[in-house]
Protein backbone atom coordinates (compact mmCIF):
# COMPACT_ATOMS: atom_id res chain seq x y z
CA MET A 1 -7.09 0.30 -34.80
CA VAL A 2 -9.75 -2.23 -33.37
CA ILE A 3 -8.90 -3.34 -29.90
CA LEU A 4 -12.57 -4.31 -28.40
CA HIS A 5 -13.39 -7.43 -30.13
CA GLN A 6 -16.99 -9.35 -30.07
CA ILE A 7 -17.05 -12.75 -28.00
CA SER A 8 -18.41 -14.43 -31.15
CA ASP A 9 -15.00 -13.25 -32.99
CA PHE A 10 -13.27 -16.35 -30.33
CA ILE A 11 -16.46 -18.57 -29.84
CA HIS A 12 -19.50 -19.35 -31.58
CA PRO A 13 -22.11 -19.97 -30.35
CA VAL A 14 -21.71 -18.00 -27.32
CA LEU A 15 -22.73 -20.64 -24.30
CA VAL A 16 -22.38 -19.01 -20.71
CA SER A 17 -21.41 -21.49 -18.08
CA LYS A 18 -22.46 -21.30 -14.85
CA ALA A 19 -19.38 -23.56 -13.26
CA PRO A 20 -17.70 -21.64 -10.73
CA PRO A 21 -14.20 -19.30 -11.43
CA SER A 22 -11.03 -22.08 -11.48
CA TYR A 23 -8.79 -18.86 -10.55
CA TYR A 24 -9.05 -15.43 -9.00
CA TYR A 25 -6.56 -12.99 -9.74
CA GLU A 26 -5.92 -10.72 -6.17
CA GLY A 27 -4.34 -7.91 -4.41
CA TYR A 28 -4.43 -5.94 -1.18
CA SER A 29 -5.01 -2.70 -1.52
CA GLN A 30 -6.15 0.19 0.88
CA GLY A 31 -7.18 -2.35 3.39
CA GLU A 32 -9.42 -4.50 1.13
CA ILE A 33 -8.79 -7.63 -1.29
CA LYS A 34 -9.55 -6.73 -4.85
CA ARG A 35 -10.05 -9.95 -7.33
CA LEU A 36 -11.24 -10.52 -10.88
CA PRO A 37 -12.00 -13.90 -11.61
CA ARG A 38 -10.99 -16.27 -14.24
CA THR A 39 -14.53 -17.66 -15.29
CA ALA A 40 -15.28 -20.64 -17.91
CA LEU A 41 -16.44 -18.13 -20.53
CA ALA A 42 -13.45 -16.32 -20.25
CA GLU A 43 -11.39 -19.59 -20.79
CA GLU A 44 -13.59 -20.51 -23.63
CA VAL A 45 -12.69 -17.12 -25.18
CA ALA A 46 -9.17 -17.98 -24.22
CA ARG A 47 -9.21 -21.25 -26.14
CA GLY A 48 -11.06 -19.56 -29.46
CA LEU A 49 -7.57 -17.42 -29.68
CA MET A 50 -5.84 -20.33 -29.13
CA ARG A 51 -7.51 -21.68 -32.52
CA TYR A 52 -6.44 -18.27 -34.10
CA LEU A 53 -2.61 -18.63 -32.82
CA LYS A 54 -2.53 -21.93 -34.10
CA GLN A 55 -3.43 -21.23 -37.45
CA ASP A 56 -0.40 -18.58 -37.94
CA ALA A 57 3.14 -19.78 -37.49
CA ARG A 58 4.30 -16.41 -36.45
CA TYR A 59 2.80 -16.90 -32.85
CA SER A 60 4.98 -20.24 -32.55
CA ASN A 61 8.37 -18.71 -33.09
CA GLU A 62 8.74 -17.60 -29.59
CA GLY A 63 7.04 -18.93 -26.38
CA LYS A 64 5.65 -16.45 -24.44
CA MET A 65 2.23 -15.64 -22.38
CA TYR A 66 -1.13 -14.55 -23.85
CA GLY A 67 -4.26 -12.98 -22.20
CA ILE A 68 -7.97 -12.01 -22.90
CA LEU A 69 -9.95 -9.75 -20.98
CA LEU A 70 -13.44 -9.67 -20.91
CA VAL A 71 -15.30 -5.92 -20.44
CA GLU A 72 -18.63 -4.43 -20.24
CA LEU A 73 -18.79 -1.14 -22.19
CA PRO A 74 -20.84 1.85 -20.71
CA SER A 75 -23.83 0.44 -23.12
CA GLY A 76 -23.93 -2.89 -21.21
CA GLU A 77 -22.44 -4.77 -24.18
CA ILE A 78 -19.60 -7.20 -23.49
CA ARG A 79 -16.20 -7.38 -25.41
CA VAL A 80 -12.94 -8.93 -25.16
CA ILE A 81 -9.49 -7.18 -25.34
CA LYS A 82 -6.44 -9.40 -25.98
CA ALA A 83 -2.64 -9.17 -25.20
CA PHE A 84 0.50 -10.34 -25.40
CA SER A 85 3.55 -10.36 -22.91
CA GLY A 86 6.70 -8.24 -23.94
CA LEU A 87 7.57 -8.01 -27.70
CA LEU A 88 5.72 -9.69 -30.41
CA ASN A 89 8.67 -10.76 -33.09
CA GLY A 90 10.01 -8.10 -31.84
CA VAL A 91 7.50 -5.34 -32.02
CA SER A 92 5.31 -4.07 -28.85
CA LEU A 93 2.65 -2.45 -31.13
CA VAL A 94 0.52 -4.74 -33.00
CA GLU A 95 -2.78 -4.21 -34.64
CA GLY A 96 -5.90 -5.69 -33.01
CA TRP A 97 -3.67 -6.02 -29.85
CA ALA A 98 -3.71 -4.12 -26.68
CA PRO A 99 -0.96 -1.78 -26.46
CA PRO A 100 1.71 -1.77 -24.35
CA ILE A 101 2.11 0.60 -21.04
CA PRO A 102 2.67 4.18 -21.66
CA GLY A 103 5.89 5.42 -21.43
CA ARG A 104 7.85 2.42 -23.69
CA SER A 105 7.74 4.83 -26.32
CA GLU A 106 9.90 7.53 -24.55
CA VAL A 107 12.59 4.43 -24.02
CA ALA A 108 12.07 3.05 -27.83
CA PHE A 109 15.87 4.29 -28.78
CA ASP A 110 17.53 3.53 -25.68
CA GLU A 111 16.05 -0.10 -25.88
CA ALA A 112 16.79 -0.61 -29.45
CA GLN A 113 20.53 0.52 -28.43
CA VAL A 114 20.55 -1.93 -25.35
CA LEU A 115 18.88 -4.61 -27.51
CA SER A 116 21.96 -4.62 -29.89
CA GLN A 117 24.35 -4.16 -27.39
CA LEU A 118 22.92 -7.00 -25.54
CA ASP A 119 22.91 -9.34 -29.10
CA ALA A 120 26.33 -8.58 -29.82
CA ILE A 121 27.68 -9.77 -26.63
CA LYS A 122 25.27 -12.70 -26.88
CA GLN A 123 27.31 -13.64 -29.98
CA GLU A 124 30.52 -12.82 -28.59
CA LEU A 125 29.79 -15.19 -25.12
CA ILE A 126 29.06 -17.91 -28.20
CA SER A 127 32.22 -17.47 -29.77
CA LEU A 128 33.94 -17.77 -26.55
CA GLN A 129 32.00 -20.36 -25.13
CA GLN A 130 32.79 -22.43 -28.29
CA ILE A 131 36.39 -22.12 -28.88
CA PRO A 132 38.79 -24.61 -30.28
CA SER A 133 41.00 -24.23 -27.45
CA ARG A 134 38.57 -25.71 -25.00
CA HIS A 135 37.87 -29.28 -27.37
CA GLU A 136 42.01 -29.46 -27.86
CA TYR A 137 42.36 -29.22 -24.16
CA GLU A 138 39.48 -31.76 -23.18
CA SER A 139 40.99 -34.38 -26.07
CA LEU A 140 44.29 -33.86 -24.85
CA SER A 141 43.40 -34.24 -20.89
CA ARG A 142 41.75 -37.78 -21.81
CA HIS A 143 44.53 -38.77 -24.09
CA PHE A 144 46.77 -37.98 -21.34
CA ALA A 145 44.83 -39.61 -18.70
CA ASP A 146 44.78 -43.04 -20.58
CA LYS A 147 48.38 -42.90 -20.98
CA ILE A 148 48.76 -42.01 -17.32
CA LEU A 149 46.81 -44.92 -16.32
CA GLN A 150 48.24 -47.62 -18.74
CA LEU A 151 51.44 -46.31 -17.39
CA ASN A 152 50.26 -47.06 -13.89
CA ILE A 153 48.83 -50.54 -14.78
CA LEU A 154 52.32 -51.38 -16.11
CA HIS A 155 54.45 -50.02 -13.06
CA GLN A 156 52.04 -52.00 -10.91
CA GLN A 157 52.85 -55.32 -12.90
CA ARG A 158 56.83 -54.38 -12.39
CA LYS A 159 56.32 -53.39 -9.10
CA HIS A 160 54.88 -57.06 -8.22
CA GLU A 161 57.63 -58.56 -10.12
CA ARG A 162 60.22 -57.17 -8.19
CA GLN A 163 58.63 -58.05 -5.27
CA GLN A 164 58.97 -61.82 -6.67
CA ARG A 165 62.43 -61.08 -7.43
CA ARG A 166 63.09 -59.81 -3.92
CA LEU A 167 62.12 -63.19 -2.27
CA GLN A 168 64.63 -64.70 -4.82
CA LEU A 169 67.28 -62.39 -2.96
CA VAL A 170 67.86 -60.63 -6.40
CA ASN A 171 70.46 -57.76 -5.91
CA GLU A 172 68.42 -55.06 -3.90
CA GLU A 173 70.44 -52.09 -5.58
CA GLU A 174 69.38 -53.25 -9.14
CA LEU A 175 65.51 -53.56 -7.83
CA LEU A 176 65.75 -49.93 -6.51
CA GLU A 177 67.23 -48.65 -9.58
CA GLU A 178 64.17 -50.05 -11.88
CA SER A 179 61.97 -48.31 -9.38
CA ARG A 180 63.67 -45.26 -9.73
CA ARG A 181 63.09 -45.34 -13.33
CA ASP A 182 59.52 -46.30 -13.25
CA GLY A 183 59.33 -42.92 -11.30
CA ILE A 184 61.12 -40.92 -14.00
CA GLU A 185 59.22 -42.25 -16.43
CA LYS A 186 55.83 -41.30 -14.71
CA LYS A 187 57.17 -37.72 -13.72
CA LEU A 188 58.34 -37.39 -17.51
CA LEU A 189 54.60 -38.24 -18.69
CA LYS A 190 53.13 -35.91 -16.19
CA ARG A 191 55.48 -32.88 -17.48
CA GLN A 192 54.60 -33.44 -21.11
CA ARG A 193 51.06 -33.71 -20.24
CA ASP A 194 51.58 -30.09 -18.36
CA GLU A 195 53.52 -28.56 -21.37
CA ALA A 196 50.88 -29.44 -23.58
CA LEU A 197 47.80 -28.18 -21.45
CA HIS A 198 49.12 -25.26 -20.20
CA PRO A 199 48.88 -22.69 -23.10
CA LEU A 200 45.53 -24.25 -23.75
CA LYS A 201 44.31 -23.47 -20.18
CA GLN A 202 45.44 -20.05 -20.23
CA ILE A 203 43.70 -19.33 -23.03
CA ILE A 204 40.64 -20.93 -21.82
CA GLU A 205 41.09 -19.05 -18.32
CA SER A 206 41.17 -15.73 -20.39
CA ALA A 207 38.24 -16.64 -22.25
CA ASP A 208 36.36 -17.46 -18.80
CA ALA A 209 37.54 -14.09 -17.31
CA ARG A 210 36.16 -12.37 -20.87
CA ILE A 211 32.74 -14.29 -20.52
CA ALA A 212 32.26 -13.34 -16.80
CA GLU A 213 33.40 -9.61 -17.64
CA LEU A 214 30.89 -9.50 -20.49
CA LYS A 215 27.74 -10.83 -18.19
CA GLN A 216 28.55 -8.64 -15.76
CA GLN A 217 28.47 -5.81 -18.71
CA ARG A 218 25.26 -7.70 -19.61
CA LYS A 219 23.90 -7.42 -16.08
CA GLU A 220 24.51 -3.48 -15.54
CA ILE A 221 23.29 -2.61 -19.09
CA SER A 222 19.84 -4.37 -18.58
CA ARG A 223 19.74 -2.61 -15.19
CA GLN A 224 20.33 0.62 -16.47
CA LEU A 225 17.56 0.45 -18.92
CA GLN A 226 15.30 -1.34 -16.30
CA VAL A 227 15.57 1.75 -14.01
CA LYS A 228 14.88 4.17 -17.37
CA MET A 229 11.58 2.22 -18.35
CA HIS A 230 10.47 1.72 -14.73
CA ALA A 231 10.65 5.48 -14.23
CA VAL A 232 8.41 6.48 -17.02
CA TYR A 233 5.99 3.45 -17.25
CA THR A 234 2.81 4.50 -15.74
CA LEU A 235 0.13 2.43 -14.55
CA THR A 236 -3.74 3.42 -14.27
CA ASN A 237 -6.24 1.56 -11.81
CA PHE A 238 -9.89 2.10 -11.73
CA LEU A 239 -9.98 4.76 -9.17
CA GLY A 240 -8.40 6.67 -11.71
CA MET A 241 -5.23 6.98 -10.07
CA SER A 242 -1.28 6.66 -11.56
CA GLN A 243 1.62 5.93 -10.86
CA SER A 244 4.86 4.81 -12.21
CA LEU A 245 6.35 1.31 -12.17
CA GLN A 246 9.14 2.82 -9.91
CA GLN A 247 6.91 4.18 -7.61
CA LEU A 248 4.58 0.92 -7.53
CA MET A 249 7.70 -1.30 -7.20
CA PRO A 250 11.44 0.42 -6.51
CA GLN A 251 13.15 -2.97 -6.96
CA ALA A 252 11.11 -4.51 -9.82
CA PRO A 253 12.24 -6.89 -12.12
CA THR A 254 12.93 -6.81 -15.38
CA GLY A 255 9.65 -6.80 -17.33
CA THR A 256 7.76 -5.82 -15.10
CA GLY A 257 4.71 -4.06 -16.89
CA ASP A 258 5.09 -6.01 -19.97
CA CYS A 259 3.16 -8.92 -18.92
CA CYS A 260 -0.41 -9.21 -20.38
CA ALA A 261 -2.70 -8.64 -17.34
CA PRO A 262 -0.85 -4.88 -16.84
CA LYS A 263 -1.79 -4.11 -20.55
CA LEU A 264 -5.47 -5.30 -20.24
CA LEU A 265 -6.18 -3.91 -17.01
CA HIS A 266 -4.57 -0.76 -17.57
CA TYR A 267 -6.44 -0.46 -21.28
CA ALA A 268 -9.65 -1.09 -19.48
CA ALA A 269 -9.06 1.37 -16.70
CA THR A 270 -8.48 4.10 -18.86
CA HIS A 271 -11.23 3.52 -21.67
CA ASN A 272 -13.89 3.36 -19.12
CA LEU A 273 -14.32 -0.28 -19.17
CA LYS A 274 -15.32 -2.58 -16.69
CA PRO A 275 -13.56 -5.70 -16.00
CA LEU A 276 -15.67 -8.86 -16.11
CA ALA A 277 -13.04 -11.62 -16.54
CA MET A 278 -9.00 -12.55 -17.52
CA ALA A 279 -7.86 -15.39 -18.53
CA GLU A 280 -3.77 -15.74 -19.54
CA PHE A 281 -2.07 -18.89 -20.87
CA TRP A 282 0.96 -19.79 -22.46
CA TRP A 283 1.64 -20.13 -26.48
CA GLY A 284 4.48 -21.37 -28.19
CA ALA A 285 7.63 -23.74 -27.51
CA SER A 286 7.24 -24.90 -23.97
CA LEU A 287 9.76 -24.24 -21.56
CA PRO A 288 12.64 -26.79 -20.90
CA ASN A 289 11.89 -27.19 -17.14
CA GLY A 290 8.38 -27.56 -17.71
CA ASP A 291 7.44 -24.46 -15.81
CA LYS A 292 5.16 -23.27 -18.98
CA ILE A 293 3.31 -25.68 -21.39
CA GLN A 294 1.72 -24.53 -24.51
CA GLY A 295 -2.13 -24.17 -24.01
CA GLU A 296 -1.91 -24.19 -20.37
CA PHE A 297 -3.36 -21.51 -18.21
CA TYR A 298 -1.47 -19.67 -15.58
CA GLY A 299 -2.40 -17.11 -12.98
CA ALA A 300 -0.56 -14.10 -12.09
CA CYS A 301 3.49 -14.23 -12.14
CA SER A 302 4.72 -14.14 -8.70
CA GLU A 303 7.99 -11.88 -9.35
CA ARG A 304 6.29 -8.94 -11.78
CA CYS A 305 2.17 -8.76 -11.89
CA GLN A 306 1.28 -10.13 -8.22
CA PRO A 307 2.67 -7.45 -6.38
CA ILE A 308 1.10 -4.29 -8.41
CA MET A 309 -2.24 -6.62 -8.77
CA GLY A 310 -3.67 -4.75 -5.60
CA PHE A 311 -3.12 -1.30 -7.32
CA LEU A 312 -4.34 -2.33 -10.83
CA LEU A 313 -7.33 -3.51 -9.37
CA SER A 314 -8.09 -0.92 -7.35
CA GLY A 315 -11.44 0.21 -8.09
CA LEU A 316 -13.33 -2.69 -8.24
CA HIS A 317 -15.35 -4.60 -6.33
CA THR A 318 -14.30 -6.57 -3.24
CA ILE A 319 -14.54 -10.67 -2.81
CA GLU A 320 -15.91 -12.62 -0.70
CA LEU A 321 -13.22 -13.21 1.47
CA THR A 322 -14.30 -10.52 4.16
CA PRO A 323 -11.17 -8.84 5.79
CA SER A 324 -9.87 -10.75 9.11
CA ILE A 325 -11.93 -10.88 12.20
CA TYR A 326 -8.62 -10.73 13.96
CA GLU A 327 -5.25 -10.08 13.04
CA ASP A 328 -1.75 -9.73 14.72
CA GLU A 329 1.91 -10.13 13.96
CA TYR A 330 1.59 -13.71 15.38
CA ILE A 331 -1.77 -14.76 13.63
CA ILE A 332 -5.02 -14.11 11.40
CA VAL A 333 -8.55 -14.94 11.97
CA ILE A 334 -10.70 -15.48 8.74
CA ASN A 335 -14.30 -15.42 8.46
CA LYS A 336 -14.65 -17.68 5.84
CA PRO A 337 -17.25 -18.10 3.04
CA SER A 338 -19.16 -21.20 2.48
CA GLY A 339 -18.07 -22.44 -0.81
CA LEU A 340 -14.24 -21.92 -0.69
CA LEU A 341 -11.69 -24.88 0.56
CA SER A 342 -9.66 -23.71 3.67
CA VAL A 343 -6.06 -24.84 1.91
CA PRO A 344 -5.47 -25.75 -1.77
CA GLY A 345 -6.14 -29.14 -3.16
CA ARG A 346 -4.25 -31.72 -5.35
CA TYR A 347 -5.89 -30.70 -8.63
CA ARG A 348 -5.58 -27.49 -10.85
CA ASP A 349 -9.29 -26.87 -10.42
CA THR A 350 -9.05 -26.93 -6.38
CA GLN A 351 -6.15 -24.54 -5.96
CA ASP A 352 -8.60 -21.50 -5.19
CA SER A 353 -8.75 -21.57 -1.26
CA VAL A 354 -8.21 -19.21 1.68
CA LEU A 355 -4.75 -19.68 2.04
CA SER A 356 -3.83 -19.74 -1.49
CA ARG A 357 -5.37 -16.04 -1.64
CA LEU A 358 -3.46 -14.91 1.08
CA ARG A 359 -0.32 -16.41 -0.01
CA ASN A 360 -0.99 -14.27 -2.87
CA ILE A 361 -1.50 -10.86 -1.33
CA LEU A 362 0.06 -10.70 1.96
CA PRO A 363 4.02 -10.20 2.30
CA ASP A 364 4.33 -12.45 4.49
CA GLY A 365 1.96 -15.22 2.66
CA MET A 366 4.25 -17.66 2.00
CA LYS A 367 4.78 -18.40 6.17
CA LEU A 368 1.16 -18.80 6.90
CA ILE A 369 0.24 -22.13 8.16
CA PRO A 370 -3.44 -23.40 8.67
CA VAL A 371 -4.01 -24.46 12.40
CA HIS A 372 -7.08 -26.34 11.71
CA ARG A 373 -9.50 -26.58 8.50
CA LEU A 374 -13.21 -25.61 7.32
CA ASP A 375 -15.18 -28.03 4.82
CA GLN A 376 -15.36 -26.31 1.69
CA ASP A 377 -18.97 -25.56 2.21
CA THR A 378 -18.75 -24.77 5.97
CA SER A 379 -18.50 -21.12 6.66
CA GLY A 380 -16.82 -19.48 9.76
CA ILE A 381 -13.91 -18.93 11.74
CA LEU A 382 -10.63 -20.21 10.45
CA LEU A 383 -7.33 -19.67 12.44
CA ILE A 384 -4.06 -19.14 10.48
CA ALA A 385 -0.55 -18.71 12.12
CA ARG A 386 1.98 -16.56 10.42
CA ASN A 387 5.03 -18.73 11.50
CA LEU A 388 5.95 -22.36 12.24
CA ASP A 389 6.78 -21.71 16.05
CA ILE A 390 3.13 -20.14 16.63
CA TYR A 391 1.71 -22.79 14.69
CA ARG A 392 3.21 -25.43 16.74
CA GLN A 393 1.71 -24.03 19.75
CA LEU A 394 -1.85 -23.11 18.58
CA ALA A 395 -1.66 -26.92 17.09
CA THR A 396 -0.70 -28.79 20.62
CA GLN A 397 -3.93 -27.09 22.08
CA PHE A 398 -6.02 -28.38 19.28
CA GLN A 399 -4.43 -32.01 19.47
CA GLN A 400 -4.82 -31.82 23.33
CA ARG A 401 -8.69 -30.61 23.27
CA GLN A 402 -7.89 -27.44 25.02
CA VAL A 403 -9.55 -25.24 22.06
CA HIS A 404 -13.36 -24.25 22.84
CA LYS A 405 -15.51 -24.62 19.54
CA VAL A 406 -19.16 -23.75 19.06
CA TYR A 407 -20.98 -24.35 15.63
CA GLU A 408 -24.44 -23.31 14.78
CA ALA A 409 -26.73 -25.10 12.55
CA VAL A 410 -29.92 -25.43 10.87
CA VAL A 411 -30.83 -29.00 10.65
CA CYS A 412 -34.03 -30.39 8.50
CA GLY A 413 -37.08 -31.37 10.82
CA ASN A 414 -37.92 -30.76 14.47
CA ILE A 415 -35.52 -31.49 17.38
CA ASN A 416 -36.58 -30.61 20.80
CA THR A 417 -33.72 -32.37 22.98
CA SER A 418 -30.20 -31.28 23.84
CA GLY A 419 -27.47 -33.94 24.59
CA ILE A 420 -24.27 -35.63 23.82
CA ILE A 421 -23.71 -37.60 20.50
CA GLN A 422 -20.92 -40.45 20.74
CA LEU A 423 -20.14 -42.38 17.47
CA PRO A 424 -17.22 -43.28 16.00
CA LEU A 425 -16.29 -42.28 12.61
CA TRP A 426 -14.41 -44.13 9.73
CA GLY A 427 -13.38 -42.65 6.02
CA ASN A 428 -13.94 -45.36 3.96
CA PRO A 429 -11.25 -45.33 1.33
CA GLU A 430 -13.44 -46.74 -1.28
CA ASN A 431 -15.79 -43.81 -0.91
CA ARG A 432 -13.81 -40.77 -0.33
CA PRO A 433 -14.58 -37.76 1.14
CA TYR A 434 -17.86 -39.47 2.91
CA GLN A 435 -17.39 -40.50 6.40
CA GLU A 436 -19.25 -43.21 8.42
CA VAL A 437 -20.45 -44.48 11.59
CA ASN A 438 -18.27 -47.69 12.08
CA TRP A 439 -17.82 -49.23 15.61
CA GLU A 440 -15.23 -51.61 14.63
CA TYR A 441 -12.79 -49.33 12.53
CA GLY A 442 -14.03 -45.94 13.63
CA LYS A 443 -11.90 -43.03 15.67
CA ASP A 444 -14.04 -42.18 18.83
CA CYS A 445 -15.92 -38.69 18.14
CA ILE A 446 -17.98 -36.71 20.64
CA THR A 447 -20.30 -33.95 20.11
CA HIS A 448 -22.38 -31.75 22.19
CA TYR A 449 -25.60 -30.33 20.94
CA LYS A 450 -28.01 -27.73 22.40
CA VAL A 451 -31.31 -26.51 20.49
CA ILE A 452 -31.46 -22.57 19.94
CA SER A 453 -35.21 -22.49 18.17
CA ASN A 454 -37.59 -24.50 16.25
CA ASN A 455 -40.52 -24.12 13.89
CA SER A 456 -42.47 -26.68 12.15
CA ASN A 457 -39.92 -27.77 9.42
CA ASN A 458 -36.24 -27.03 10.68
CA THR A 459 -34.76 -26.65 13.94
CA ARG A 460 -31.36 -24.48 14.83
CA VAL A 461 -29.05 -26.30 16.86
CA GLU A 462 -25.55 -25.44 18.75
CA PHE A 463 -23.03 -27.66 18.15
CA THR A 464 -19.72 -28.19 20.67
CA PRO A 465 -17.68 -30.81 19.30
CA LEU A 466 -15.10 -32.30 21.69
CA THR A 467 -13.33 -33.78 19.20
CA GLY A 468 -12.53 -32.53 15.54
CA ARG A 469 -13.17 -35.66 12.97
CA PRO A 470 -13.74 -34.96 9.34
CA HIS A 471 -17.47 -34.30 8.79
CA GLN A 472 -18.09 -35.03 12.39
CA LEU A 473 -20.86 -32.60 12.85
CA ARG A 474 -22.64 -33.41 9.46
CA VAL A 475 -22.36 -37.13 10.07
CA HIS A 476 -23.73 -36.87 13.71
CA ALA A 477 -26.42 -34.98 12.92
CA ALA A 478 -27.50 -37.23 9.99
CA ASP A 479 -27.51 -40.62 11.18
CA GLN A 480 -29.73 -42.15 12.37
CA GLN A 481 -28.03 -43.06 15.93
CA GLY A 482 -27.09 -39.70 16.09
CA LEU A 483 -30.13 -36.69 15.52
CA GLY A 484 -30.95 -38.67 12.56
CA THR A 485 -31.51 -35.74 10.17
CA PRO A 486 -29.38 -33.98 7.90
CA ILE A 487 -28.05 -30.42 8.36
CA LEU A 488 -30.33 -28.31 5.59
CA GLY A 489 -27.89 -28.31 2.33
CA ASP A 490 -25.88 -31.02 3.10
CA ARG A 491 -25.91 -32.66 -0.30
CA LEU A 492 -23.69 -35.50 0.75
CA TYR A 493 -25.11 -36.96 3.81
CA GLY A 494 -29.00 -35.93 2.47
CA SER A 495 -30.24 -32.82 2.10
CA ASP A 496 -29.98 -30.76 -1.38
CA ASN A 497 -33.37 -28.47 -0.39
CA SER A 498 -30.89 -25.24 0.02
CA THR A 499 -28.41 -23.37 -2.24
CA ARG A 500 -25.81 -23.79 0.47
CA LEU A 501 -24.57 -25.98 3.83
CA HIS A 502 -26.27 -24.44 6.75
CA LEU A 503 -23.24 -25.05 8.99
CA HIS A 504 -20.93 -22.27 10.46
CA ALA A 505 -18.15 -22.10 12.93
CA ARG A 506 -19.45 -19.46 15.44
CA GLU A 507 -16.98 -19.17 18.22
CA LEU A 508 -13.73 -20.37 18.69
CA HIS A 509 -12.10 -19.96 22.32
CA PHE A 510 -8.29 -20.67 22.70
CA THR A 511 -5.11 -19.15 24.62
CA HIS A 512 -2.99 -16.85 22.20
CA PRO A 513 0.67 -18.08 22.63
CA ILE A 514 1.79 -14.35 23.28
CA LEU A 515 -1.37 -12.67 24.40
CA GLY A 516 -3.17 -15.01 26.47
CA LYS A 517 -6.76 -16.19 26.55
CA LEU A 518 -8.84 -15.06 23.13
CA SER A 519 -12.30 -15.47 22.29
CA LEU A 520 -14.16 -14.59 18.67
CA GLN A 521 -17.27 -14.96 17.55
CA VAL A 522 -18.92 -14.20 14.14
CA LYS A 523 -22.47 -14.23 13.68
CA ALA A 524 -24.17 -17.29 11.39
CA PRO A 525 -24.94 -15.62 7.71
CA PHE A 526 -28.26 -17.58 7.66
């Protein structure tokens, strides 16, 4: 059975794009962050697979995730492995596709029995939901509701007439008798309604009780099968370690291990193949809530794949996002690399960031809140709070300018002086994200600078901003009213003669809300 495919089976000609990865599959293991990118080439191969799926109606019968993994053979050749999540038209082993995780065959008989039981339960649930008594009950309820409404209107009219007759001194006893007859008439109609609806209501309540019983039975049957499957499903990583799903995730939800990513990575790990990039997408009927759309790429699912991603990727190289330079139960301080966003952007291609990566790999990831931000191209110290209370205390320090920040940069040209730059900055809404010096609309910005060293071409400068405006140091360096020369590698403000922006957040001095004064420093990487 052919599992390893040529790239040319999916795309032709094969063009290698230099675009940066749009997503990273990541996990935390053995004190390090492991990751695998979704590259432009992987996405093109995946689109080639989509074209293949589109030609065969079998692949559109049910919506599910599909994926491809680019791997390098020991010979250095590149191949493609493809996989689908769960079962494909009720079958787990399909020629040309990555096989299921080992262990499924051991519970195949139990699984078939359970699927048969679940189907029988499903059919009974449908029948109970559709019993004729439900429709009859609703129809009679509306009928009697209309009759009672009409009777109420008639009684109101009669009551008004009696009030008029009472003013004409009509016999009061006669009026009271008419009122009593109206009340009796209404009670008789309600009794008639209750006598008609009661038997139907009993049938419906009995059906609803059976539905609740069947749902609980379905849940328990699924749970028992899940326990058996997770005890025998065994995953292997690139260190050669093997563990069952039960060991990796004692409370793993149904379907864990059946997704594309575990299938692909396990196959690669057990066949001496080096993963290069992976891409997963949805194909078939889109989900009603819009959660999954045909042809769209998606990352690792948060419940099933993400918790085991660190184990699966163990043995691969670590990522550029270095381990934290300081971490405790209250804060995390990261040495952010140049080229990585601090927080996710608004669009699909700007989701990769320090925050999204940490949220994907840390147990308390969704509670993390960045206290400040660094430009995408700026490297250095980034402070992140681990809960809202700590964030508020630290944010107050930033707002009140109680935090001391020091940046190191290399600017184009020769600078010999030190001093203060005070130029107001304004973000032109028609030219975002560009900032400019504007004395009418700009906000006050103050930067201290000191020359560290220089040569005939460039000058190394230490910047100490007293304010924290977007692009403050970059504009204060580039503008003629400031240093008059851009930071090396700053393509936005006039320098394109380097592969990166030479600006680094080197030091951060602040008061830890629990531990007191804290000073952190990271050497500039340039």
